Amino acid sequence: MNDVIAVALGAAGVACESHSLGVTVADTPPAETRALLTQLAKAPAAAALSEFVENLQHRKFDHLAPDGLLRRMWARRHESQCAELPNLAHIANGW
């Protein structure tokens, strides 16, 4: 889920990085980060977010696959997590 949150925030123009414990947001005040999280309710679908994924090549032969195919595969793998973004926005709205 952290990867999806980082991609969604990146799509909003925020410099951030996903890691196993969460998402690090750079040079953004906490209040602005919270506001961005509440806007995830309007996040685009997985296919649209896949356009913002920077490193699609994770598996051994990914470098041989076309970029479009890797983006479709990313979207398919993360579709259910992207669908949960509005729930995260609702939680952030309650902070």
PDB file of N, CA and C in Angstrom:
ATOM      1  N   MET A   1       0.816  -1.195   0.000  1.00  0.00           N
ATOM      2  CA  MET A   1       0.000   0.000   0.000  1.00  0.00           C
ATOM      3  C   MET A   1       0.863   1.263   0.000  1.00  0.00           C
ATOM      4  N   ASN A   2       2.035   1.181   0.659  1.00  0.00           N
ATOM      5  CA  ASN A   2       2.911   2.352   0.704  1.00  0.00           C
ATOM      6  C   ASN A   2       3.327   2.803  -0.689  1.00  0.00           C
ATOM      7  N   ASP A   3       3.576   1.837  -1.566  1.00  0.00           N
ATOM      8  CA  ASP A   3       3.956   2.188  -2.940  1.00  0.00           C
ATOM      9  C   ASP A   3       2.846   2.981  -3.627  1.00  0.00           C
ATOM     10  N   VAL A   4       1.624   2.561  -3.440  1.00  0.00           N
ATOM     11  CA  VAL A   4       0.486   3.231  -4.073  1.00  0.00           C
ATOM     12  C   VAL A   4       0.309   4.642  -3.507  1.00  0.00           C
ATOM     13  N   ILE A   5       0.464   4.784  -2.198  1.00  0.00           N
ATOM     14  CA  ILE A   5       0.355   6.114  -1.590  1.00  0.00           C
ATOM     15  C   ILE A   5       1.447   7.026  -2.141  1.00  0.00           C
ATOM     16  N   ALA A   6       2.664   6.514  -2.247  1.00  0.00           N
ATOM     17  CA  ALA A   6       3.773   7.317  -2.771  1.00  0.00           C
ATOM     18  C   ALA A   6       3.531   7.725  -4.218  1.00  0.00           C
ATOM     19  N   VAL A   7       3.005   6.824  -5.020  1.00  0.00           N
ATOM     20  CA  VAL A   7       2.713   7.154  -6.423  1.00  0.00           C
ATOM     21  C   VAL A   7       1.610   8.208  -6.496  1.00  0.00           C
ATOM     22  N   ALA A   8       0.566   8.057  -5.666  1.00  0.00           N
ATOM     23  CA  ALA A   8      -0.529   9.029  -5.675  1.00  0.00           C
ATOM     24  C   ALA A   8      -0.042  10.407  -5.228  1.00  0.00           C
ATOM     25  N   LEU A   9       0.791  10.453  -4.212  1.00  0.00           N
ATOM     26  CA  LEU A   9       1.337  11.735  -3.769  1.00  0.00           C
ATOM     27  C   LEU A   9       2.288  12.315  -4.818  1.00  0.00           C
ATOM     28  N   GLY A  10       3.054  11.452  -5.450  1.00  0.00           N
ATOM     29  CA  GLY A  10       3.935  11.895  -6.533  1.00  0.00           C
ATOM     30  C   GLY A  10       3.143  12.467  -7.694  1.00  0.00           C
ATOM     31  N   ALA A  11       2.001  11.870  -7.978  1.00  0.00           N
ATOM     32  CA  ALA A  11       1.135  12.382  -9.046  1.00  0.00           C
ATOM     33  C   ALA A  11       0.610  13.775  -8.699  1.00  0.00           C
ATOM     34  N   ALA A  12       0.522  14.054  -7.394  1.00  0.00           N
ATOM     35  CA  ALA A  12       0.075  15.378  -6.945  1.00  0.00           C
ATOM     36  C   ALA A  12       1.230  16.372  -6.890  1.00  0.00           C
ATOM     37  N   GLY A  13       2.425  15.917  -7.257  1.00  0.00           N
ATOM     38  CA  GLY A  13       3.574  16.805  -7.318  1.00  0.00           C
ATOM     39  C   GLY A  13       4.429  16.854  -6.067  1.00  0.00           C
ATOM     40  N   VAL A  14       4.254  15.892  -5.174  1.00  0.00           N
ATOM     41  CA  VAL A  14       5.006  15.858  -3.924  1.00  0.00           C
ATOM     42  C   VAL A  14       6.197  14.908  -4.073  1.00  0.00           C
ATOM     43  N   ALA A  15       7.360  15.352  -3.645  1.00  0.00           N
ATOM     44  CA  ALA A  15       8.541  14.486  -3.637  1.00  0.00           C
ATOM     45  C   ALA A  15       8.437  13.561  -2.434  1.00  0.00           C
ATOM     46  N   CYS A  16       8.365  12.259  -2.696  1.00  0.00           N
ATOM     47  CA  CYS A  16       8.242  11.303  -1.604  1.00  0.00           C
ATOM     48  C   CYS A  16       8.859   9.973  -2.007  1.00  0.00           C
ATOM     49  N   GLU A  17       9.028   9.120  -0.996  1.00  0.00           N
ATOM     50  CA  GLU A  17       9.635   7.817  -1.230  1.00  0.00           C
ATOM     51  C   GLU A  17       8.952   6.775  -0.363  1.00  0.00           C
ATOM     52  N   SER A  18       8.675   5.647  -0.953  1.00  0.00           N
ATOM     53  CA  SER A  18       8.044   4.546  -0.233  1.00  0.00           C
ATOM     54  C   SER A  18       9.118   3.620   0.329  1.00  0.00           C
ATOM     55  N   HIS A  19       8.870   3.109   1.529  1.00  0.00           N
ATOM     56  CA  HIS A  19       9.726   2.089   2.122  1.00  0.00           C
ATOM     57  C   HIS A  19       8.852   1.196   2.988  1.00  0.00           C
ATOM     58  N   SER A  20       9.424   0.196   3.595  1.00  0.00           N
ATOM     59  CA  SER A  20       8.622  -0.809   4.286  1.00  0.00           C
ATOM     60  C   SER A  20       7.828  -0.255   5.474  1.00  0.00           C
ATOM     61  N   LEU A  21       8.298   0.823   6.086  1.00  0.00           N
ATOM     62  CA  LEU A  21       7.601   1.364   7.248  1.00  0.00           C
ATOM     63  C   LEU A  21       6.577   2.443   6.918  1.00  0.00           C
ATOM     64  N   GLY A  22       6.606   2.956   5.722  1.00  0.00           N
ATOM     65  CA  GLY A  22       5.668   4.013   5.360  1.00  0.00           C
ATOM     66  C   GLY A  22       6.130   4.780   4.150  1.00  0.00           C
ATOM     67  N   VAL A  23       5.767   6.034   4.122  1.00  0.00           N
ATOM     68  CA  VAL A  23       6.122   6.921   3.011  1.00  0.00           C
ATOM     69  C   VAL A  23       6.779   8.162   3.600  1.00  0.00           C
ATOM     70  N   THR A  24       7.958   8.488   3.104  1.00  0.00           N
ATOM     71  CA  THR A  24       8.650   9.697   3.528  1.00  0.00           C
ATOM     72  C   THR A  24       8.312  10.806   2.550  1.00  0.00           C
ATOM     73  N   VAL A  25       7.793  11.907   3.081  1.00  0.00           N
ATOM     74  CA  VAL A  25       7.427  13.059   2.263  1.00  0.00           C
ATOM     75  C   VAL A  25       8.457  14.146   2.524  1.00  0.00           C
ATOM     76  N   ALA A  26       9.110  14.612   1.465  1.00  0.00           N
ATOM     77  CA  ALA A  26      10.193  15.589   1.608  1.00  0.00           C
ATOM     78  C   ALA A  26       9.684  17.019   1.459  1.00  0.00           C
ATOM     79  N   ASP A  27      10.231  17.881   2.290  1.00  0.00           N
ATOM     80  CA  ASP A  27      10.013  19.331   2.183  1.00  0.00           C
ATOM     81  C   ASP A  27       8.541  19.734   2.107  1.00  0.00           C
ATOM     82  N   THR A  28       7.701  19.061   2.879  1.00  0.00           N
ATOM     83  CA  THR A  28       6.272  19.381   2.909  1.00  0.00           C
ATOM     84  C   THR A  28       5.829  19.438   4.363  1.00  0.00           C
ATOM     85  N   PRO A  29       5.275  20.545   4.796  1.00  0.00           N
ATOM     86  CA  PRO A  29       4.820  20.655   6.188  1.00  0.00           C
ATOM     87  C   PRO A  29       3.727  19.627   6.499  1.00  0.00           C
ATOM     88  N   PRO A  30       3.638  19.180   7.745  1.00  0.00           N
ATOM     89  CA  PRO A  30       2.634  18.176   8.122  1.00  0.00           C
ATOM     90  C   PRO A  30       1.206  18.567   7.739  1.00  0.00           C
ATOM     91  N   ALA A  31       0.836  19.820   7.915  1.00  0.00           N
ATOM     92  CA  ALA A  31      -0.531  20.244   7.589  1.00  0.00           C
ATOM     93  C   ALA A  31      -0.805  20.093   6.094  1.00  0.00           C
ATOM     94  N   GLU A  32       0.182  20.417   5.283  1.00  0.00           N
ATOM     95  CA  GLU A  32       0.010  20.269   3.831  1.00  0.00           C
ATOM     96  C   GLU A  32      -0.040  18.796   3.434  1.00  0.00           C
ATOM     97  N   THR A  33       0.771  17.978   4.090  1.00  0.00           N
ATOM     98  CA  THR A  33       0.753  16.537   3.821  1.00  0.00           C
ATOM     99  C   THR A  33      -0.617  15.956   4.166  1.00  0.00           C
ATOM    100  N   ARG A  34      -1.162  16.352   5.315  1.00  0.00           N
ATOM    101  CA  ARG A  34      -2.503  15.892   5.712  1.00  0.00           C
ATOM    102  C   ARG A  34      -3.542  16.314   4.687  1.00  0.00           C
ATOM    103  N   ALA A  35      -3.451  17.549   4.222  1.00  0.00           N
ATOM    104  CA  ALA A  35      -4.402  18.030   3.212  1.00  0.00           C
ATOM    105  C   ALA A  35      -4.294  17.211   1.936  1.00  0.00           C
ATOM    106  N   LEU A  36      -3.077  16.865   1.548  1.00  0.00           N
ATOM    107  CA  LEU A  36      -2.890  16.042   0.349  1.00  0.00           C
ATOM    108  C   LEU A  36      -3.470  14.646   0.543  1.00  0.00           C
ATOM    109  N   LEU A  37      -3.277  14.088   1.734  1.00  0.00           N
ATOM    110  CA  LEU A  37      -3.831  12.756   2.013  1.00  0.00           C
ATOM    111  C   LEU A  37      -5.357  12.766   1.950  1.00  0.00           C
ATOM    112  N   THR A  38      -5.982  13.841   2.423  1.00  0.00           N
ATOM    113  CA  THR A  38      -7.445  13.906   2.362  1.00  0.00           C
ATOM    114  C   THR A  38      -7.936  14.008   0.922  1.00  0.00           C
ATOM    115  N   GLN A  39      -7.088  14.518   0.022  1.00  0.00           N
ATOM    116  CA  GLN A  39      -7.468  14.634  -1.391  1.00  0.00           C
ATOM    117  C   GLN A  39      -7.335  13.321  -2.149  1.00  0.00           C
ATOM    118  N   LEU A  40      -6.790  12.285  -1.495  1.00  0.00           N
ATOM    119  CA  LEU A  40      -6.659  10.990  -2.161  1.00  0.00           C
ATOM    120  C   LEU A  40      -8.015  10.378  -2.483  1.00  0.00           C
ATOM    121  N   ALA A  41      -9.077  10.927  -1.900  1.00  0.00           N
ATOM    122  CA  ALA A  41     -10.426  10.446  -2.224  1.00  0.00           C
ATOM    123  C   ALA A  41     -10.718  10.636  -3.710  1.00  0.00           C
ATOM    124  N   LYS A  42     -10.035  11.614  -4.323  1.00  0.00           N
ATOM    125  CA  LYS A  42     -10.236  11.904  -5.744  1.00  0.00           C
ATOM    126  C   LYS A  42      -9.110  11.335  -6.603  1.00  0.00           C
ATOM    127  N   ALA A  43      -8.316  10.431  -6.036  1.00  0.00           N
ATOM    128  CA  ALA A  43      -7.175   9.867  -6.770  1.00  0.00           C
ATOM    129  C   ALA A  43      -7.653   9.121  -8.009  1.00  0.00           C
ATOM    130  N   PRO A  44      -6.887   9.200  -9.081  1.00  0.00           N
ATOM    131  CA  PRO A  44      -7.264   8.485 -10.297  1.00  0.00           C
ATOM    132  C   PRO A  44      -7.154   6.976 -10.130  1.00  0.00           C
ATOM    133  N   ALA A  45      -7.683   6.262 -11.062  1.00  0.00           N
ATOM    134  CA  ALA A  45      -7.647   4.801 -11.043  1.00  0.00           C
ATOM    135  C   ALA A  45      -6.207   4.308 -11.229  1.00  0.00           C
ATOM    136  N   ALA A  46      -6.005   3.034 -10.984  1.00  0.00           N
ATOM    137  CA  ALA A  46      -4.669   2.434 -11.057  1.00  0.00           C
ATOM    138  C   ALA A  46      -4.013   2.644 -12.421  1.00  0.00           C
ATOM    139  N   ALA A  47      -4.775   2.540 -13.495  1.00  0.00           N
ATOM    140  CA  ALA A  47      -4.199   2.709 -14.835  1.00  0.00           C
ATOM    141  C   ALA A  47      -3.637   4.112 -15.014  1.00  0.00           C
ATOM    142  N   ALA A  48      -4.327   5.105 -14.510  1.00  0.00           N
ATOM    143  CA  ALA A  48      -3.842   6.486 -14.616  1.00  0.00           C
ATOM    144  C   ALA A  48      -2.652   6.715 -13.696  1.00  0.00           C
ATOM    145  N   LEU A  49      -2.689   6.156 -12.497  1.00  0.00           N
ATOM    146  CA  LEU A  49      -1.562   6.310 -11.572  1.00  0.00           C
ATOM    147  C   LEU A  49      -0.309   5.623 -12.078  1.00  0.00           C
ATOM    148  N   SER A  50      -0.475   4.565 -12.847  1.00  0.00           N
ATOM    149  CA  SER A  50       0.697   3.831 -13.346  1.00  0.00           C
ATOM    150  C   SER A  50       1.595   4.718 -14.209  1.00  0.00           C
ATOM    151  N   GLU A  51       1.049   5.781 -14.767  1.00  0.00           N
ATOM    152  CA  GLU A  51       1.855   6.708 -15.570  1.00  0.00           C
ATOM    153  C   GLU A  51       2.883   7.454 -14.723  1.00  0.00           C
ATOM    154  N   PHE A  52       2.698   7.473 -13.408  1.00  0.00           N
ATOM    155  CA  PHE A  52       3.597   8.190 -12.511  1.00  0.00           C
ATOM    156  C   PHE A  52       4.609   7.275 -11.825  1.00  0.00           C
ATOM    157  N   VAL A  53       4.531   5.979 -12.085  1.00  0.00           N
ATOM    158  CA  VAL A  53       5.488   5.035 -11.496  1.00  0.00           C
ATOM    159  C   VAL A  53       6.821   5.209 -12.207  1.00  0.00           C
ATOM    160  N   GLU A  54       7.869   5.450 -11.437  1.00  0.00           N
ATOM    161  CA  GLU A  54       9.168   5.738 -12.032  1.00  0.00           C
ATOM    162  C   GLU A  54       9.978   4.485 -12.333  1.00  0.00           C
ATOM    163  N   ASN A  55       9.943   3.501 -11.469  1.00  0.00           N
ATOM    164  CA  ASN A  55      10.748   2.306 -11.680  1.00  0.00           C
ATOM    165  C   ASN A  55       9.838   1.093 -11.814  1.00  0.00           C
ATOM    166  N   LEU A  56       9.574   0.717 -13.037  1.00  0.00           N
ATOM    167  CA  LEU A  56       8.690  -0.417 -13.302  1.00  0.00           C
ATOM    168  C   LEU A  56       9.450  -1.739 -13.385  1.00  0.00           C
ATOM    169  N   GLN A  57      10.742  -1.688 -13.521  1.00  0.00           N
ATOM    170  CA  GLN A  57      11.537  -2.896 -13.739  1.00  0.00           C
ATOM    171  C   GLN A  57      12.022  -3.461 -12.406  1.00  0.00           C
ATOM    172  N   HIS A  58      11.291  -4.478 -11.914  1.00  0.00           N
ATOM    173  CA  HIS A  58      11.629  -5.098 -10.641  1.00  0.00           C
ATOM    174  C   HIS A  58      12.030  -6.561 -10.791  1.00  0.00           C
ATOM    175  N   ARG A  59      11.543  -7.203 -11.806  1.00  0.00           N
ATOM    176  CA  ARG A  59      11.799  -8.631 -11.977  1.00  0.00           C
ATOM    177  C   ARG A  59      12.900  -8.850 -13.002  1.00  0.00           C
ATOM    178  N   LYS A  60      13.377 -10.053 -13.040  1.00  0.00           N
ATOM    179  CA  LYS A  60      14.567 -10.403 -13.814  1.00  0.00           C
ATOM    180  C   LYS A  60      14.503  -9.988 -15.284  1.00  0.00           C
ATOM    181  N   PHE A  61      13.402 -10.226 -15.945  1.00  0.00           N
ATOM    182  CA  PHE A  61      13.318  -9.960 -17.380  1.00  0.00           C
ATOM    183  C   PHE A  61      12.468  -8.736 -17.728  1.00  0.00           C
ATOM    184  N   ASP A  62      12.155  -7.917 -16.742  1.00  0.00           N
ATOM    185  CA  ASP A  62      11.340  -6.724 -16.999  1.00  0.00           C
ATOM    186  C   ASP A  62      11.984  -5.775 -18.006  1.00  0.00           C
ATOM    187  N   HIS A  63      13.301  -5.763 -18.068  1.00  0.00           N
ATOM    188  CA  HIS A  63      13.964  -4.858 -19.010  1.00  0.00           C
ATOM    189  C   HIS A  63      13.674  -5.222 -20.465  1.00  0.00           C
ATOM    190  N   LEU A  64      13.148  -6.423 -20.692  1.00  0.00           N
ATOM    191  CA  LEU A  64      12.814  -6.869 -22.051  1.00  0.00           C
ATOM    192  C   LEU A  64      11.375  -6.537 -22.439  1.00  0.00           C
ATOM    193  N   ALA A  65      10.559  -6.189 -21.461  1.00  0.00           N
ATOM    194  CA  ALA A  65       9.133  -5.930 -21.719  1.00  0.00           C
ATOM    195  C   ALA A  65       8.914  -4.461 -22.080  1.00  0.00           C
ATOM    196  N   PRO A  66       7.946  -4.196 -22.955  1.00  0.00           N
ATOM    197  CA  PRO A  66       7.625  -2.807 -23.299  1.00  0.00           C
ATOM    198  C   PRO A  66       7.073  -2.049 -22.081  1.00  0.00           C
ATOM    199  N   ASP A  67       7.343  -0.767 -22.047  1.00  0.00           N
ATOM    200  CA  ASP A  67       6.918   0.086 -20.939  1.00  0.00           C
ATOM    201  C   ASP A  67       5.405   0.020 -20.728  1.00  0.00           C
ATOM    202  N   GLY A  68       4.643   0.040 -21.796  1.00  0.00           N
ATOM    203  CA  GLY A  68       3.180  -0.008 -21.686  1.00  0.00           C
ATOM    204  C   GLY A  68       2.692  -1.276 -21.006  1.00  0.00           C
ATOM    205  N   LEU A  69       3.318  -2.388 -21.329  1.00  0.00           N
ATOM    206  CA  LEU A  69       2.943  -3.660 -20.705  1.00  0.00           C
ATOM    207  C   LEU A  69       3.251  -3.631 -19.215  1.00  0.00           C
ATOM    208  N   LEU A  70       4.419  -3.114 -18.847  1.00  0.00           N
ATOM    209  CA  LEU A  70       4.781  -3.038 -17.434  1.00  0.00           C
ATOM    210  C   LEU A  70       3.819  -2.128 -16.667  1.00  0.00           C
ATOM    211  N   ARG A  71       3.377  -1.051 -17.305  1.00  0.00           N
ATOM    212  CA  ARG A  71       2.420  -0.154 -16.640  1.00  0.00           C
ATOM    213  C   ARG A  71       1.069  -0.846 -16.447  1.00  0.00           C
ATOM    214  N   ARG A  72       0.620  -1.587 -17.451  1.00  0.00           N
ATOM    215  CA  ARG A  72      -0.642  -2.329 -17.307  1.00  0.00           C
ATOM    216  C   ARG A  72      -0.529  -3.387 -16.212  1.00  0.00           C
ATOM    217  N   MET A  73       0.622  -4.048 -16.137  1.00  0.00           N
ATOM    218  CA  MET A  73       0.827  -5.061 -15.097  1.00  0.00           C
ATOM    219  C   MET A  73       0.846  -4.416 -13.710  1.00  0.00           C
ATOM    220  N   TRP A  74       1.491  -3.238 -13.589  1.00  0.00           N
ATOM    221  CA  TRP A  74       1.506  -2.536 -12.310  1.00  0.00           C
ATOM    222  C   TRP A  74       0.077  -2.173 -11.911  1.00  0.00           C
ATOM    223  N   ALA A  75      -0.675  -1.638 -12.851  1.00  0.00           N
ATOM    224  CA  ALA A  75      -2.061  -1.242 -12.566  1.00  0.00           C
ATOM    225  C   ALA A  75      -2.893  -2.437 -12.127  1.00  0.00           C
ATOM    226  N   ARG A  76      -2.730  -3.550 -12.780  1.00  0.00           N
ATOM    227  CA  ARG A  76      -3.498  -4.750 -12.421  1.00  0.00           C
ATOM    228  C   ARG A  76      -3.123  -5.228 -11.022  1.00  0.00           C
ATOM    229  N   ARG A  77      -1.817  -5.224 -10.698  1.00  0.00           N
ATOM    230  CA  ARG A  77      -1.358  -5.684  -9.379  1.00  0.00           C
ATOM    231  C   ARG A  77      -1.805  -4.761  -8.252  1.00  0.00           C
ATOM    232  N   HIS A  78      -1.961  -3.471  -8.536  1.00  0.00           N
ATOM    233  CA  HIS A  78      -2.257  -2.495  -7.489  1.00  0.00           C
ATOM    234  C   HIS A  78      -3.688  -1.948  -7.548  1.00  0.00           C
ATOM    235  N   GLU A  79      -4.524  -2.546  -8.379  1.00  0.00           N
ATOM    236  CA  GLU A  79      -5.891  -2.055  -8.558  1.00  0.00           C
ATOM    237  C   GLU A  79      -6.676  -2.018  -7.246  1.00  0.00           C
ATOM    238  N   SER A  80      -6.600  -3.087  -6.464  1.00  0.00           N
ATOM    239  CA  SER A  80      -7.376  -3.120  -5.213  1.00  0.00           C
ATOM    240  C   SER A  80      -6.831  -2.116  -4.198  1.00  0.00           C
ATOM    241  N   GLN A  81      -5.520  -1.913  -4.183  1.00  0.00           N
ATOM    242  CA  GLN A  81      -4.942  -0.929  -3.265  1.00  0.00           C
ATOM    243  C   GLN A  81      -5.326   0.493  -3.680  1.00  0.00           C
ATOM    244  N   CYS A  82      -5.349   0.752  -4.957  1.00  0.00           N
ATOM    245  CA  CYS A  82      -5.767   2.074  -5.442  1.00  0.00           C
ATOM    246  C   CYS A  82      -7.225   2.339  -5.078  1.00  0.00           C
ATOM    247  N   ALA A  83      -8.025   1.302  -5.084  1.00  0.00           N
ATOM    248  CA  ALA A  83      -9.437   1.448  -4.725  1.00  0.00           C
ATOM    249  C   ALA A  83      -9.601   1.795  -3.247  1.00  0.00           C
ATOM    250  N   GLU A  84      -8.583   1.526  -2.432  1.00  0.00           N
ATOM    251  CA  GLU A  84      -8.634   1.831  -0.995  1.00  0.00           C
ATOM    252  C   GLU A  84      -8.208   3.260  -0.674  1.00  0.00           C
ATOM    253  N   LEU A  85      -7.680   4.003  -1.640  1.00  0.00           N
ATOM    254  CA  LEU A  85      -7.223   5.365  -1.380  1.00  0.00           C
ATOM    255  C   LEU A  85      -8.319   6.275  -0.809  1.00  0.00           C
ATOM    256  N   PRO A  86      -9.565   6.195  -1.283  1.00  0.00           N
ATOM    257  CA  PRO A  86     -10.607   7.027  -0.661  1.00  0.00           C
ATOM    258  C   PRO A  86     -10.812   6.718   0.830  1.00  0.00           C
ATOM    259  N   ASN A  87     -10.634   5.455   1.226  1.00  0.00           N
ATOM    260  CA  ASN A  87     -10.747   5.109   2.646  1.00  0.00           C
ATOM    261  C   ASN A  87      -9.625   5.752   3.450  1.00  0.00           C
ATOM    262  N   LEU A  88      -8.426   5.751   2.895  1.00  0.00           N
ATOM    263  CA  LEU A  88      -7.303   6.413   3.564  1.00  0.00           C
ATOM    264  C   LEU A  88      -7.564   7.915   3.683  1.00  0.00           C
ATOM    265  N   ALA A  89      -8.124   8.495   2.654  1.00  0.00           N
ATOM    266  CA  ALA A  89      -8.453   9.925   2.690  1.00  0.00           C
ATOM    267  C   ALA A  89      -9.474  10.221   3.782  1.00  0.00           C
ATOM    268  N   HIS A  90     -10.423   9.313   3.950  1.00  0.00           N
ATOM    269  CA  HIS A  90     -11.434   9.492   5.005  1.00  0.00           C
ATOM    270  C   HIS A  90     -10.785   9.452   6.385  1.00  0.00           C
ATOM    271  N   ILE A  91      -9.837   8.537   6.572  1.00  0.00           N
ATOM    272  CA  ILE A  91      -9.129   8.441   7.853  1.00  0.00           C
ATOM    273  C   ILE A  91      -8.313   9.715   8.096  1.00  0.00           C
ATOM    274  N   ALA A  92      -7.588  10.147   7.064  1.00  0.00           N
ATOM    275  CA  ALA A  92      -6.768  11.359   7.201  1.00  0.00           C
ATOM    276  C   ALA A  92      -7.632  12.586   7.506  1.00  0.00           C
ATOM    277  N   ASN A  93      -8.842  12.596   6.994  1.00  0.00           N
ATOM    278  CA  ASN A  93      -9.752  13.709   7.229  1.00  0.00           C
ATOM    279  C   ASN A  93     -10.160  13.787   8.690  1.00  0.00           C
ATOM    280  N   GLY A  94     -10.108  12.657   9.405  1.00  0.00           N
ATOM    281  CA  GLY A  94     -10.484  12.623  10.803  1.00  0.00           C
ATOM    282  C   GLY A  94      -9.354  12.985  11.754  1.00  0.00           C
ATOM    283  N   TRP A  95      -8.151  13.207  11.253  1.00  0.00           N
ATOM    284  CA  TRP A  95      -7.005  13.549  12.132  1.00  0.00           C
ATOM    285  C   TRP A  95      -7.130  14.933  12.652  1.00  0.00           C
TER     286      TRP A  95
END
